[in-house]
Amino acid sequence: MISAKETQLPEGCFMVQLPKISDRRGCLAFGEGERHIPFPIRRVFWTYDIQDDCMRGDHAHRTCEMVLFPIGGSFDIEIDNGRSTCLLHMDDPSRGVYIPPRVWCRLGAFTPHAACISLASEEYRAEDYIHDYEEFKALLGL
């Protein structure tokens, strides 16, 4: 498993490091669309209270870009662009992973009280989702 601190990701994916301010009271991380996040943010959602052994994601998007951050606890994310795959352990709330369109991702191994916040470039559209892995590979010409 690759730590989220490493950068050996499938082509098109990269780590996003947010500015972080720390003092005796704790830490504050912040991000601005088109500055720290590489697109205008059109939607924000989060997953939490994930039951043991449950997966989230398990799909790709046709056009939507996303950045995912662990905002509590930790989880693993498998990223697959059809040519290479990696598994990241996400445990730093100031470090996220950029997922471009046409990249399959699957989240699992959530610790108790883990939460993932997702910043998306588009509003929700069901037709943007690819839920079938064979359809995903066909879309990529594989």
N, C-alpha and C. Protein backbone atom coordinates (compact mmCIF):
# COMPACT_ATOMS: atom_id res chain seq x y z
N MET A 1 0.85 -1.18 0.00
CA MET A 1 0.00 0.00 0.00
C MET A 1 0.89 1.24 0.00
N ILE A 2 0.50 2.22 -0.77
CA ILE A 2 1.24 3.47 -0.85
C ILE A 2 0.66 4.45 0.14
N SER A 3 1.51 5.12 0.87
CA SER A 3 1.05 6.17 1.77
C SER A 3 0.58 7.35 0.95
N ALA A 4 -0.40 8.09 1.46
CA ALA A 4 -0.88 9.28 0.76
C ALA A 4 0.21 10.35 0.68
N LYS A 5 1.31 10.17 1.39
CA LYS A 5 2.40 11.14 1.34
C LYS A 5 3.28 10.92 0.10
N GLU A 6 3.15 9.75 -0.54
CA GLU A 6 3.91 9.46 -1.74
C GLU A 6 3.14 9.94 -2.96
N THR A 7 3.81 10.05 -4.09
CA THR A 7 3.15 10.61 -5.27
C THR A 7 3.14 9.65 -6.46
N GLN A 8 3.35 8.35 -6.27
CA GLN A 8 3.32 7.39 -7.36
C GLN A 8 1.88 7.00 -7.65
N LEU A 9 1.19 7.87 -8.34
CA LEU A 9 -0.23 7.67 -8.62
C LEU A 9 -0.43 7.41 -10.10
N PRO A 10 -1.57 6.82 -10.47
CA PRO A 10 -1.86 6.66 -11.90
C PRO A 10 -1.84 8.01 -12.61
N GLU A 11 -1.50 7.99 -13.89
CA GLU A 11 -1.44 9.21 -14.68
C GLU A 11 -2.75 9.98 -14.55
N GLY A 12 -2.63 11.29 -14.37
CA GLY A 12 -3.79 12.16 -14.24
C GLY A 12 -4.20 12.44 -12.81
N CYS A 13 -3.78 11.59 -11.88
CA CYS A 13 -4.11 11.77 -10.46
C CYS A 13 -2.93 12.43 -9.76
N PHE A 14 -3.22 13.20 -8.73
CA PHE A 14 -2.15 13.80 -7.94
C PHE A 14 -2.66 14.15 -6.55
N MET A 15 -1.71 14.32 -5.63
CA MET A 15 -2.05 14.71 -4.26
C MET A 15 -2.24 16.22 -4.20
N VAL A 16 -3.18 16.63 -3.39
CA VAL A 16 -3.47 18.05 -3.16
C VAL A 16 -3.13 18.35 -1.71
N GLN A 17 -2.18 19.24 -1.49
CA GLN A 17 -1.80 19.64 -0.14
C GLN A 17 -2.43 21.00 0.16
N LEU A 18 -3.30 21.04 1.15
CA LEU A 18 -3.93 22.30 1.55
C LEU A 18 -3.03 23.04 2.53
N PRO A 19 -3.10 24.36 2.54
CA PRO A 19 -2.40 25.11 3.58
C PRO A 19 -2.97 24.71 4.95
N LYS A 20 -2.09 24.68 5.93
CA LYS A 20 -2.50 24.26 7.28
C LYS A 20 -1.90 25.23 8.30
N ILE A 21 -2.73 25.66 9.21
CA ILE A 21 -2.29 26.53 10.30
C ILE A 21 -2.44 25.75 11.60
N SER A 22 -1.37 25.63 12.35
CA SER A 22 -1.39 24.90 13.61
C SER A 22 -0.95 25.80 14.74
N ASP A 23 -1.61 25.71 15.85
CA ASP A 23 -1.17 26.37 17.08
C ASP A 23 -1.65 25.55 18.27
N ARG A 24 -1.55 26.08 19.46
CA ARG A 24 -1.89 25.31 20.66
C ARG A 24 -3.35 24.89 20.70
N ARG A 25 -4.20 25.54 19.91
CA ARG A 25 -5.63 25.22 19.89
C ARG A 25 -5.97 24.09 18.94
N GLY A 26 -5.04 23.74 18.05
CA GLY A 26 -5.29 22.69 17.08
C GLY A 26 -4.88 23.12 15.69
N CYS A 27 -5.48 22.50 14.69
CA CYS A 27 -5.11 22.75 13.30
C CYS A 27 -6.32 23.23 12.50
N LEU A 28 -6.04 24.04 11.50
CA LEU A 28 -7.04 24.51 10.56
C LEU A 28 -6.45 24.37 9.17
N ALA A 29 -7.15 23.61 8.31
CA ALA A 29 -6.73 23.49 6.91
C ALA A 29 -7.81 24.17 6.08
N PHE A 30 -7.41 24.77 4.95
CA PHE A 30 -8.39 25.45 4.11
C PHE A 30 -8.02 25.28 2.65
N GLY A 31 -9.04 25.37 1.81
CA GLY A 31 -8.83 25.26 0.39
C GLY A 31 -9.79 26.15 -0.37
N GLU A 32 -9.32 26.71 -1.46
CA GLU A 32 -10.13 27.57 -2.30
C GLU A 32 -10.17 26.97 -3.70
N GLY A 33 -11.38 26.97 -4.29
CA GLY A 33 -11.54 26.47 -5.64
C GLY A 33 -10.73 27.30 -6.62
N GLU A 34 -10.11 26.66 -7.58
CA GLU A 34 -9.26 27.24 -8.61
C GLU A 34 -7.96 27.81 -8.07
N ARG A 35 -7.72 27.64 -6.79
CA ARG A 35 -6.43 28.02 -6.21
C ARG A 35 -5.77 26.77 -5.62
N HIS A 36 -6.34 26.20 -4.59
CA HIS A 36 -5.81 24.98 -3.99
C HIS A 36 -6.47 23.74 -4.59
N ILE A 37 -7.72 23.88 -4.97
CA ILE A 37 -8.48 22.83 -5.64
C ILE A 37 -8.46 23.19 -7.12
N PRO A 38 -8.10 22.25 -8.03
CA PRO A 38 -7.84 22.63 -9.42
C PRO A 38 -9.07 22.85 -10.30
N PHE A 39 -10.19 23.21 -9.70
CA PHE A 39 -11.41 23.48 -10.47
C PHE A 39 -12.36 24.29 -9.59
N PRO A 40 -13.36 24.94 -10.21
CA PRO A 40 -14.40 25.59 -9.40
C PRO A 40 -15.23 24.50 -8.71
N ILE A 41 -15.48 24.65 -7.45
CA ILE A 41 -16.22 23.65 -6.68
C ILE A 41 -17.72 23.88 -6.87
N ARG A 42 -18.40 22.86 -7.43
CA ARG A 42 -19.84 22.96 -7.68
C ARG A 42 -20.66 22.13 -6.69
N ARG A 43 -20.01 21.16 -6.03
CA ARG A 43 -20.74 20.30 -5.10
C ARG A 43 -19.78 19.82 -4.03
N VAL A 44 -20.29 19.72 -2.81
CA VAL A 44 -19.54 19.18 -1.67
C VAL A 44 -20.43 18.15 -1.00
N PHE A 45 -19.87 16.98 -0.74
CA PHE A 45 -20.62 15.97 0.03
C PHE A 45 -19.63 15.17 0.86
N TRP A 46 -20.13 14.49 1.87
CA TRP A 46 -19.26 13.69 2.72
C TRP A 46 -19.93 12.38 3.07
N THR A 47 -19.10 11.37 3.30
CA THR A 47 -19.57 10.06 3.73
C THR A 47 -19.02 9.83 5.12
N TYR A 48 -19.83 9.22 5.97
CA TYR A 48 -19.45 8.96 7.35
C TYR A 48 -20.32 7.84 7.91
N ASP A 49 -20.00 7.37 9.09
CA ASP A 49 -20.71 6.24 9.71
C ASP A 49 -20.75 5.04 8.77
N ILE A 50 -19.66 4.77 8.07
CA ILE A 50 -19.59 3.65 7.15
C ILE A 50 -19.45 2.37 7.97
N GLN A 51 -20.29 1.41 7.67
CA GLN A 51 -20.29 0.14 8.39
C GLN A 51 -19.04 -0.67 8.06
N ASP A 52 -18.65 -1.55 8.98
CA ASP A 52 -17.49 -2.42 8.77
C ASP A 52 -17.59 -3.15 7.43
N ASP A 53 -16.48 -3.26 6.76
CA ASP A 53 -16.36 -4.00 5.51
C ASP A 53 -17.20 -3.45 4.36
N CYS A 54 -17.67 -2.21 4.46
CA CYS A 54 -18.43 -1.61 3.36
C CYS A 54 -17.49 -0.81 2.46
N MET A 55 -17.84 -0.79 1.19
CA MET A 55 -17.09 -0.02 0.20
C MET A 55 -17.93 1.20 -0.18
N ARG A 56 -17.25 2.26 -0.56
CA ARG A 56 -17.90 3.45 -1.11
C ARG A 56 -17.24 3.72 -2.46
N GLY A 57 -17.87 4.55 -3.24
CA GLY A 57 -17.33 4.82 -4.57
C GLY A 57 -17.64 3.64 -5.48
N ASP A 58 -16.59 2.95 -5.91
CA ASP A 58 -16.71 1.81 -6.81
C ASP A 58 -17.35 2.23 -8.13
N HIS A 59 -16.86 3.35 -8.66
CA HIS A 59 -17.35 3.88 -9.93
C HIS A 59 -16.33 4.87 -10.49
N ALA A 60 -16.61 5.34 -11.69
CA ALA A 60 -15.85 6.42 -12.32
C ALA A 60 -16.86 7.46 -12.80
N HIS A 61 -16.35 8.61 -13.19
CA HIS A 61 -17.19 9.67 -13.74
C HIS A 61 -16.79 9.91 -15.19
N ARG A 62 -17.74 10.29 -15.99
CA ARG A 62 -17.46 10.61 -17.39
C ARG A 62 -16.78 11.98 -17.52
N THR A 63 -17.26 12.99 -16.78
CA THR A 63 -16.72 14.34 -16.91
C THR A 63 -16.38 15.03 -15.59
N CYS A 64 -16.91 14.55 -14.50
CA CYS A 64 -16.72 15.21 -13.20
C CYS A 64 -15.31 14.96 -12.65
N GLU A 65 -14.70 16.02 -12.13
CA GLU A 65 -13.42 15.93 -11.42
C GLU A 65 -13.73 15.97 -9.92
N MET A 66 -12.89 15.33 -9.11
CA MET A 66 -13.12 15.33 -7.67
C MET A 66 -11.80 15.41 -6.92
N VAL A 67 -11.86 15.94 -5.71
CA VAL A 67 -10.77 15.84 -4.75
C VAL A 67 -11.38 15.30 -3.47
N LEU A 68 -10.76 14.24 -2.91
CA LEU A 68 -11.26 13.59 -1.71
C LEU A 68 -10.26 13.78 -0.57
N PHE A 69 -10.80 14.10 0.61
CA PHE A 69 -9.99 14.30 1.82
C PHE A 69 -10.54 13.46 2.96
N PRO A 70 -9.66 12.88 3.78
CA PRO A 70 -10.13 12.24 5.00
C PRO A 70 -10.28 13.32 6.08
N ILE A 71 -11.47 13.55 6.55
CA ILE A 71 -11.63 14.62 7.55
C ILE A 71 -11.82 14.07 8.96
N GLY A 72 -11.72 12.78 9.09
CA GLY A 72 -11.76 12.12 10.39
C GLY A 72 -11.36 10.68 10.18
N GLY A 73 -10.60 10.12 11.09
CA GLY A 73 -10.17 8.74 10.93
C GLY A 73 -9.35 8.55 9.67
N SER A 74 -9.45 7.36 9.11
CA SER A 74 -8.71 7.06 7.88
C SER A 74 -9.47 6.05 7.04
N PHE A 75 -9.05 5.93 5.79
CA PHE A 75 -9.61 4.95 4.87
C PHE A 75 -8.58 4.70 3.79
N ASP A 76 -8.81 3.65 3.02
CA ASP A 76 -7.97 3.34 1.86
C ASP A 76 -8.76 3.68 0.61
N ILE A 77 -8.05 4.10 -0.43
CA ILE A 77 -8.68 4.37 -1.71
C ILE A 77 -7.87 3.69 -2.80
N GLU A 78 -8.55 2.89 -3.60
CA GLU A 78 -7.93 2.26 -4.76
C GLU A 78 -8.27 3.11 -5.98
N ILE A 79 -7.25 3.48 -6.73
CA ILE A 79 -7.40 4.34 -7.89
C ILE A 79 -6.91 3.57 -9.11
N ASP A 80 -7.73 3.58 -10.17
CA ASP A 80 -7.44 2.77 -11.36
C ASP A 80 -7.78 3.59 -12.60
N ASN A 81 -6.78 3.90 -13.43
CA ASN A 81 -7.04 4.64 -14.66
C ASN A 81 -7.09 3.72 -15.88
N GLY A 82 -7.18 2.42 -15.64
CA GLY A 82 -7.24 1.44 -16.72
C GLY A 82 -5.89 0.92 -17.15
N ARG A 83 -4.82 1.65 -16.85
CA ARG A 83 -3.47 1.24 -17.19
C ARG A 83 -2.63 0.95 -15.95
N SER A 84 -2.92 1.65 -14.87
CA SER A 84 -2.22 1.40 -13.62
C SER A 84 -3.17 1.63 -12.45
N THR A 85 -2.86 0.97 -11.36
CA THR A 85 -3.69 1.00 -10.16
C THR A 85 -2.80 1.25 -8.95
N CYS A 86 -3.31 1.96 -7.98
CA CYS A 86 -2.58 2.09 -6.72
C CYS A 86 -3.58 2.10 -5.57
N LEU A 87 -3.09 1.80 -4.40
CA LEU A 87 -3.89 1.81 -3.19
C LEU A 87 -3.25 2.81 -2.23
N LEU A 88 -4.01 3.82 -1.84
CA LEU A 88 -3.53 4.85 -0.92
C LEU A 88 -4.18 4.70 0.44
N HIS A 89 -3.43 4.97 1.47
CA HIS A 89 -3.98 5.06 2.82
C HIS A 89 -4.13 6.55 3.14
N MET A 90 -5.35 7.00 3.29
CA MET A 90 -5.65 8.42 3.51
C MET A 90 -5.89 8.67 5.00
N ASP A 91 -5.02 9.48 5.61
CA ASP A 91 -5.16 9.72 7.05
C ASP A 91 -4.78 11.14 7.48
N ASP A 92 -4.53 12.03 6.52
CA ASP A 92 -4.15 13.41 6.84
C ASP A 92 -5.22 14.35 6.27
N PRO A 93 -5.99 15.04 7.12
CA PRO A 93 -7.08 15.89 6.64
C PRO A 93 -6.63 17.06 5.75
N SER A 94 -5.36 17.37 5.73
CA SER A 94 -4.89 18.46 4.88
C SER A 94 -4.36 17.95 3.53
N ARG A 95 -4.39 16.63 3.32
CA ARG A 95 -3.92 16.04 2.05
C ARG A 95 -5.04 15.25 1.41
N GLY A 96 -5.35 15.64 0.19
CA GLY A 96 -6.39 14.95 -0.56
C GLY A 96 -5.82 14.38 -1.84
N VAL A 97 -6.67 13.68 -2.56
CA VAL A 97 -6.26 13.10 -3.83
C VAL A 97 -7.21 13.59 -4.92
N TYR A 98 -6.62 14.07 -6.02
CA TYR A 98 -7.37 14.53 -7.18
C TYR A 98 -7.67 13.33 -8.06
N ILE A 99 -8.96 13.18 -8.38
CA ILE A 99 -9.43 12.10 -9.24
C ILE A 99 -10.03 12.74 -10.50
N PRO A 100 -9.36 12.62 -11.64
CA PRO A 100 -9.91 13.20 -12.87
C PRO A 100 -11.04 12.34 -13.43
N PRO A 101 -11.74 12.82 -14.45
CA PRO A 101 -12.74 11.99 -15.11
C PRO A 101 -12.11 10.71 -15.65
N ARG A 102 -12.93 9.68 -15.78
CA ARG A 102 -12.52 8.40 -16.35
C ARG A 102 -11.43 7.70 -15.54
N VAL A 103 -11.50 7.86 -14.22
CA VAL A 103 -10.65 7.12 -13.30
C VAL A 103 -11.56 6.44 -12.29
N TRP A 104 -11.40 5.13 -12.17
CA TRP A 104 -12.22 4.32 -11.26
C TRP A 104 -11.65 4.46 -9.86
N CYS A 105 -12.51 4.63 -8.87
CA CYS A 105 -12.01 4.64 -7.49
C CYS A 105 -12.98 3.91 -6.57
N ARG A 106 -12.39 3.32 -5.56
CA ARG A 106 -13.11 2.50 -4.58
C ARG A 106 -12.51 2.80 -3.21
N LEU A 107 -13.36 3.13 -2.25
CA LEU A 107 -12.92 3.45 -0.90
C LEU A 107 -13.34 2.34 0.05
N GLY A 108 -12.45 1.98 0.98
CA GLY A 108 -12.74 0.94 1.96
C GLY A 108 -11.82 1.05 3.15
N ALA A 109 -11.88 0.04 4.01
CA ALA A 109 -11.06 -0.03 5.23
C ALA A 109 -11.22 1.23 6.08
N PHE A 110 -12.45 1.69 6.22
CA PHE A 110 -12.73 2.87 7.04
C PHE A 110 -12.53 2.54 8.51
N THR A 111 -11.84 3.42 9.23
CA THR A 111 -11.72 3.25 10.67
C THR A 111 -13.01 3.75 11.32
N PRO A 112 -13.25 3.36 12.58
CA PRO A 112 -14.43 3.88 13.26
C PRO A 112 -14.42 5.42 13.26
N HIS A 113 -15.54 6.01 13.01
CA HIS A 113 -15.72 7.47 12.99
C HIS A 113 -14.98 8.15 11.83
N ALA A 114 -14.58 7.39 10.82
CA ALA A 114 -13.92 7.98 9.65
C ALA A 114 -14.95 8.76 8.83
N ALA A 115 -14.46 9.79 8.17
CA ALA A 115 -15.31 10.58 7.28
C ALA A 115 -14.46 11.02 6.10
N CYS A 116 -15.09 11.07 4.93
CA CYS A 116 -14.44 11.51 3.70
C CYS A 116 -15.27 12.64 3.14
N ILE A 117 -14.62 13.77 2.85
CA ILE A 117 -15.31 14.87 2.19
C ILE A 117 -14.86 14.89 0.73
N SER A 118 -15.83 15.08 -0.15
CA SER A 118 -15.58 15.08 -1.60
C SER A 118 -15.95 16.43 -2.17
N LEU A 119 -15.03 17.02 -2.90
CA LEU A 119 -15.26 18.28 -3.60
C LEU A 119 -15.37 17.95 -5.08
N ALA A 120 -16.46 18.36 -5.72
CA ALA A 120 -16.72 17.97 -7.10
C ALA A 120 -16.83 19.18 -8.01
N SER A 121 -16.43 18.98 -9.26
CA SER A 121 -16.46 20.06 -10.25
C SER A 121 -17.85 20.25 -10.86
N GLU A 122 -18.75 19.30 -10.62
CA GLU A 122 -20.08 19.36 -11.23
C GLU A 122 -21.16 19.03 -10.21
N GLU A 123 -22.34 19.51 -10.48
CA GLU A 123 -23.50 19.11 -9.69
C GLU A 123 -23.80 17.65 -10.00
N TYR A 124 -24.57 17.00 -9.14
CA TYR A 124 -24.90 15.60 -9.33
C TYR A 124 -25.72 15.40 -10.61
N ARG A 125 -25.26 14.45 -11.42
CA ARG A 125 -26.00 13.99 -12.60
C ARG A 125 -25.79 12.48 -12.69
N ALA A 126 -26.86 11.72 -12.55
CA ALA A 126 -26.75 10.26 -12.56
C ALA A 126 -26.05 9.74 -13.81
N GLU A 127 -26.29 10.39 -14.96
CA GLU A 127 -25.71 9.90 -16.22
C GLU A 127 -24.19 10.10 -16.30
N ASP A 128 -23.60 10.85 -15.38
CA ASP A 128 -22.15 11.03 -15.36
C ASP A 128 -21.44 9.83 -14.74
N TYR A 129 -22.15 9.01 -13.99
CA TYR A 129 -21.55 7.89 -13.28
C TYR A 129 -21.42 6.66 -14.17
N ILE A 130 -20.29 5.98 -14.04
CA ILE A 130 -20.06 4.68 -14.68
C ILE A 130 -19.94 3.68 -13.54
N HIS A 131 -20.93 2.81 -13.39
CA HIS A 131 -20.96 1.84 -12.29
C HIS A 131 -20.50 0.45 -12.70
N ASP A 132 -20.35 0.21 -13.99
CA ASP A 132 -19.95 -1.10 -14.48
C ASP A 132 -18.50 -1.04 -14.94
N TYR A 133 -17.64 -1.88 -14.35
CA TYR A 133 -16.21 -1.83 -14.66
C TYR A 133 -15.93 -2.20 -16.11
N GLU A 134 -16.68 -3.13 -16.68
CA GLU A 134 -16.47 -3.49 -18.09
C GLU A 134 -16.83 -2.32 -19.00
N GLU A 135 -17.89 -1.58 -18.68
CA GLU A 135 -18.25 -0.38 -19.45
C GLU A 135 -17.14 0.66 -19.33
N PHE A 136 -16.57 0.79 -18.13
CA PHE A 136 -15.45 1.71 -17.90
C PHE A 136 -14.27 1.36 -18.81
N LYS A 137 -13.89 0.08 -18.86
CA LYS A 137 -12.77 -0.34 -19.70
C LYS A 137 -13.08 -0.10 -21.18
N ALA A 138 -14.31 -0.37 -21.58
CA ALA A 138 -14.70 -0.15 -22.97
C ALA A 138 -14.62 1.34 -23.34
N LEU A 139 -15.04 2.21 -22.41
CA LEU A 139 -14.98 3.65 -22.64
C LEU A 139 -13.53 4.10 -22.86
N LEU A 140 -12.60 3.44 -22.18
CA LEU A 140 -11.18 3.76 -22.32
C LEU A 140 -10.54 3.06 -23.52
N GLY A 141 -11.30 2.22 -24.20
CA GLY A 141 -10.77 1.50 -25.35
C GLY A 141 -9.88 0.33 -24.96
N LEU A 142 -10.13 -0.23 -23.80
CA LEU A 142 -9.28 -1.36 -23.32
C LEU A 142 -9.99 -2.70 -23.48
